[in-house]
Amino acid sequence: MRQMYQSTDQVLSDVTAGAFMARVYRWMFAGLGLTAVTALLVAMSPPAVALVASLRFPLIIAQLGLVLALSFMARRVSGPTAAAMFIGYSVLNGLTFSAIFFFYQLGSIASAFFITSGAFAALSVYATVTKRDLSAWRTFLFIGLIGVVLAGLVNLFVHSGMLMFVINCAAILVFAGLTAYDTQRLRAIHATAGYNSAQALAVTGALMLYLDFINLFLQILSLMSGRRRD
């Protein structure tokens, strides 16, 4: 009888976790859609492109500020506030992302997006169905991320094509791992959530996966090297 109760509790837990993750994915894809539409609209308007270019650094600072604020204040903000911050970040990211339409061919962007979407879906499914605890990946992924950032900074000065290729490959592995790790971690966080709002938790989770998707997409796009102009 006790085993039957435990089995029922597990089923209910899986159902609620599934509903929560569905909410996370809805927010994530809404953010990605908003970023894509914003980027495309800006790229189609030369005055808007010029304005964004002149405000490049303030926009980057504003993006970092919103990410840090939402990450550190997630347990204290309300659902609508978290949603507004995420929407604002998605729009700001779209403004800066408009530049990729001038550096890469549209076909390359589309191909990279579909490859990223397929990889993201596969990694999410793996993280959901695997019985393996992916928390052991945390240290490796953190070290890998730091290594990629440092190597990228070095390459700003040496401009090595080979080093860039290695960085892209390493970054793809790191962000692929983070996608699986964050997906499993979000399910665990949901099980012991102490947030004031379920919506705030879902939005924060959407931000985590949004960043994983965006970074994976950028690395795949760079690796494909479909540059329009040098």
Protein backbone atom coordinates (compact mmCIF):
# COMPACT_ATOMS: atom_id res chain seq x y z
CA MET A 1 0.00 0.00 0.00
CA ARG A 2 2.82 2.39 0.92
CA GLN A 3 4.53 1.68 -2.39
CA MET A 4 1.28 2.48 -4.23
CA TYR A 5 1.06 5.87 -2.46
CA GLN A 6 4.67 6.62 -3.34
CA SER A 7 3.99 5.72 -6.95
CA THR A 8 0.92 8.00 -7.02
CA ASP A 9 2.92 10.88 -5.51
CA GLN A 10 5.61 10.41 -8.13
CA VAL A 11 3.04 10.53 -10.93
CA LEU A 12 1.51 13.71 -9.52
CA SER A 13 4.97 15.23 -9.15
CA ASP A 14 5.83 14.40 -12.76
CA VAL A 15 2.54 15.91 -13.95
CA THR A 16 3.03 19.19 -12.08
CA ALA A 17 6.68 19.37 -13.19
CA GLY A 18 5.57 18.81 -16.78
CA ALA A 19 2.99 21.59 -16.53
CA PHE A 20 5.60 23.90 -15.03
CA MET A 21 8.14 23.16 -17.77
CA ALA A 22 5.47 23.74 -20.43
CA ARG A 23 4.96 27.18 -18.93
CA VAL A 24 8.71 27.80 -18.93
CA TYR A 25 8.97 26.84 -22.60
CA ARG A 26 6.04 29.08 -23.54
CA TRP A 27 7.77 32.05 -21.95
CA MET A 28 11.12 31.12 -23.51
CA PHE A 29 9.73 30.84 -27.03
CA ALA A 30 7.74 34.05 -26.56
CA GLY A 31 10.99 35.78 -25.65
CA LEU A 32 12.80 34.29 -28.64
CA GLY A 33 9.98 35.33 -30.95
CA LEU A 34 10.01 38.87 -29.58
CA THR A 35 13.79 39.05 -30.02
CA ALA A 36 13.59 37.78 -33.61
CA VAL A 37 10.80 40.17 -34.62
CA THR A 38 12.55 43.15 -33.01
CA ALA A 39 15.86 42.29 -34.70
CA LEU A 40 14.22 41.93 -38.11
CA LEU A 41 12.24 45.16 -37.84
CA VAL A 42 15.34 47.12 -36.82
CA ALA A 43 17.43 45.58 -39.61
CA MET A 44 14.83 46.72 -42.16
CA SER A 45 15.13 50.36 -41.07
CA PRO A 46 18.45 52.15 -41.74
CA PRO A 47 17.65 54.97 -39.25
CA ALA A 48 16.88 52.40 -36.56
CA VAL A 49 20.12 50.55 -37.33
CA ALA A 50 22.10 53.78 -37.00
CA LEU A 51 20.38 54.59 -33.70
CA VAL A 52 21.05 51.13 -32.27
CA ALA A 53 24.69 51.33 -33.38
CA SER A 54 25.10 54.65 -31.57
CA LEU A 55 23.58 53.19 -28.40
CA ARG A 56 25.42 49.87 -28.54
CA PHE A 57 27.22 50.07 -25.21
CA PRO A 58 24.28 51.49 -23.19
CA LEU A 59 22.12 48.70 -24.61
CA ILE A 60 24.64 46.05 -23.56
CA ILE A 61 24.84 47.52 -20.06
CA ALA A 62 21.04 47.61 -19.83
CA GLN A 63 20.84 43.96 -20.93
CA LEU A 64 23.37 42.85 -18.32
CA GLY A 65 21.54 44.86 -15.69
CA LEU A 66 18.21 43.22 -16.46
CA VAL A 67 19.70 39.71 -16.47
CA LEU A 68 21.44 40.24 -13.14
CA ALA A 69 18.41 41.91 -11.59
CA LEU A 70 16.03 39.14 -12.65
CA SER A 71 18.47 36.42 -11.58
CA PHE A 72 19.20 37.83 -8.12
CA MET A 73 15.76 39.27 -7.37
CA ALA A 74 13.76 36.33 -8.68
CA ARG A 75 12.68 35.21 -5.21
CA ARG A 76 11.42 38.66 -4.28
CA VAL A 77 9.70 40.05 -7.38
CA SER A 78 6.11 39.41 -8.39
CA GLY A 79 5.14 37.45 -11.47
CA PRO A 80 4.12 40.53 -13.53
CA THR A 81 7.37 42.31 -12.61
CA ALA A 82 9.46 39.30 -13.63
CA ALA A 83 7.49 39.06 -16.88
CA ALA A 84 8.02 42.75 -17.66
CA MET A 85 11.76 42.43 -17.02
CA PHE A 86 12.02 39.38 -19.28
CA ILE A 87 10.04 41.06 -22.06
CA GLY A 88 12.23 44.15 -21.75
CA TYR A 89 15.36 42.03 -21.97
CA SER A 90 14.05 40.18 -25.03
CA VAL A 91 13.39 43.48 -26.82
CA LEU A 92 16.81 44.89 -25.92
CA ASN A 93 18.44 41.70 -27.11
CA GLY A 94 16.52 42.01 -30.36
CA LEU A 95 17.90 45.51 -30.86
CA THR A 96 21.51 44.34 -30.57
CA PHE A 97 20.81 41.15 -32.54
CA SER A 98 19.73 43.17 -35.56
CA ALA A 99 23.43 43.36 -36.48
CA ILE A 100 23.60 39.68 -37.42
CA PHE A 101 21.54 40.37 -40.55
CA PHE A 102 24.43 42.48 -41.83
CA PHE A 103 27.16 39.95 -41.00
CA TYR A 104 25.51 36.68 -41.99
CA GLN A 105 23.44 35.49 -44.91
CA LEU A 106 19.75 34.94 -44.20
CA GLY A 107 20.06 31.29 -45.23
CA SER A 108 22.86 30.76 -42.72
CA ILE A 109 20.80 32.37 -39.96
CA ALA A 110 17.80 30.17 -40.77
CA SER A 111 19.94 27.01 -40.93
CA ALA A 112 21.63 27.80 -37.63
CA PHE A 113 18.25 28.44 -36.02
CA PHE A 114 16.80 25.11 -37.14
CA ILE A 115 19.93 23.21 -36.08
CA THR A 116 19.84 24.92 -32.70
CA SER A 117 16.13 24.18 -32.29
CA GLY A 118 16.66 20.50 -33.03
CA ALA A 119 19.64 20.21 -30.70
CA PHE A 120 17.81 22.12 -27.95
CA ALA A 121 14.76 19.85 -28.23
CA ALA A 122 16.90 16.70 -28.12
CA LEU A 123 18.86 17.92 -25.09
CA SER A 124 15.67 18.91 -23.27
CA VAL A 125 14.14 15.49 -23.86
CA TYR A 126 17.32 13.80 -22.66
CA ALA A 127 17.39 15.89 -19.48
CA THR A 128 13.74 15.03 -18.83
CA VAL A 129 13.87 11.26 -19.35
CA THR A 130 17.36 10.40 -18.11
CA LYS A 131 17.76 8.89 -14.65
CA ARG A 132 21.27 10.29 -14.43
CA ASP A 133 21.91 13.17 -12.06
CA LEU A 134 23.37 15.93 -14.21
CA SER A 135 24.41 18.07 -11.24
CA ALA A 136 27.85 16.41 -11.52
CA TRP A 137 28.31 18.40 -14.75
CA ARG A 138 28.19 21.73 -12.90
CA THR A 139 31.91 22.13 -12.20
CA PHE A 140 32.95 20.98 -15.67
CA LEU A 141 30.48 23.36 -17.35
CA PHE A 142 31.53 26.30 -15.17
CA ILE A 143 35.21 25.74 -15.91
CA GLY A 144 34.43 25.29 -19.60
CA LEU A 145 32.43 28.52 -19.70
CA ILE A 146 35.23 30.48 -18.05
CA GLY A 147 37.73 28.94 -20.48
CA VAL A 148 35.60 29.92 -23.49
CA VAL A 149 35.24 33.51 -22.25
CA LEU A 150 38.98 33.87 -21.60
CA ALA A 151 39.89 32.33 -24.94
CA GLY A 152 37.46 34.71 -26.65
CA LEU A 153 39.14 37.68 -24.99
CA VAL A 154 42.55 36.45 -26.11
CA ASN A 155 41.31 36.04 -29.66
CA LEU A 156 40.22 39.67 -29.72
CA PHE A 157 43.93 40.48 -29.88
CA VAL A 158 45.40 37.57 -31.87
CA HIS A 159 42.57 37.23 -34.44
CA SER A 160 43.27 33.55 -35.05
CA GLY A 161 40.82 31.70 -37.27
CA MET A 162 41.90 28.34 -35.86
CA LEU A 163 41.46 29.54 -32.27
CA MET A 164 38.02 30.89 -33.19
CA PHE A 165 37.09 27.47 -34.56
CA VAL A 166 38.22 25.78 -31.34
CA ILE A 167 36.32 28.34 -29.25
CA ASN A 168 33.13 27.76 -31.25
CA CYS A 169 33.37 23.98 -30.85
CA ALA A 170 34.10 24.22 -27.13
CA ALA A 171 31.31 26.75 -26.60
CA ILE A 172 28.80 24.52 -28.40
CA LEU A 173 29.69 21.66 -26.05
CA VAL A 174 29.42 23.93 -23.01
CA PHE A 175 26.05 25.45 -23.91
CA ALA A 176 24.67 22.09 -25.00
CA GLY A 177 25.63 20.75 -21.58
CA LEU A 178 24.10 23.79 -19.88
CA THR A 179 20.84 23.25 -21.76
CA ALA A 180 20.49 19.72 -20.38
CA TYR A 181 21.79 20.70 -16.93
CA ASP A 182 19.48 23.72 -16.58
CA THR A 183 16.46 21.76 -17.79
CA GLN A 184 16.95 19.12 -15.13
CA ARG A 185 17.79 21.73 -12.48
CA LEU A 186 14.59 23.65 -13.20
CA ARG A 187 12.53 20.55 -12.54
CA ALA A 188 14.36 20.09 -9.25
CA ILE A 189 13.90 23.76 -8.32
CA HIS A 190 10.19 23.48 -9.01
CA ALA A 191 9.94 20.55 -6.62
CA THR A 192 11.29 22.66 -3.73
CA ALA A 193 10.29 26.14 -4.92
CA GLY A 194 10.15 28.92 -2.41
CA TYR A 195 9.25 31.66 -4.84
CA ASN A 196 6.38 34.02 -4.09
CA SER A 197 4.93 33.47 -7.53
CA ALA A 198 4.82 30.44 -9.80
CA GLN A 199 4.92 32.86 -12.73
CA ALA A 200 8.13 34.47 -11.45
CA LEU A 201 9.74 31.04 -11.20
CA ALA A 202 8.60 30.13 -14.72
CA VAL A 203 9.90 33.41 -16.14
CA THR A 204 13.26 32.99 -14.39
CA GLY A 205 13.51 29.47 -15.78
CA ALA A 206 12.61 30.78 -19.23
CA LEU A 207 15.47 33.28 -18.99
CA MET A 208 17.94 30.51 -18.17
CA LEU A 209 16.92 28.41 -21.17
CA TYR A 210 16.60 31.48 -23.39
CA LEU A 211 20.24 32.35 -22.69
CA ASP A 212 21.32 28.76 -23.36
CA PHE A 213 19.45 28.76 -26.68
CA ILE A 214 20.76 32.17 -27.79
CA ASN A 215 24.37 31.32 -26.99
CA LEU A 216 24.14 27.92 -28.64
CA PHE A 217 22.61 29.57 -31.72
CA LEU A 218 25.36 32.20 -31.92
CA GLN A 219 28.13 29.62 -31.69
CA ILE A 220 26.56 27.40 -34.35
CA LEU A 221 26.02 30.42 -36.61
CA SER A 222 29.63 31.53 -36.15
CA LEU A 223 30.90 28.01 -36.82
CA MET A 224 28.96 27.87 -40.07
CA SER A 225 30.84 31.05 -41.09
CA GLY A 226 28.25 32.25 -43.57
CA ARG A 227 29.50 35.84 -43.48
CA ARG A 228 28.00 38.31 -45.91
CA ARG A 229 30.91 40.74 -45.64
CA ASP A 230 34.28 40.80 -43.82
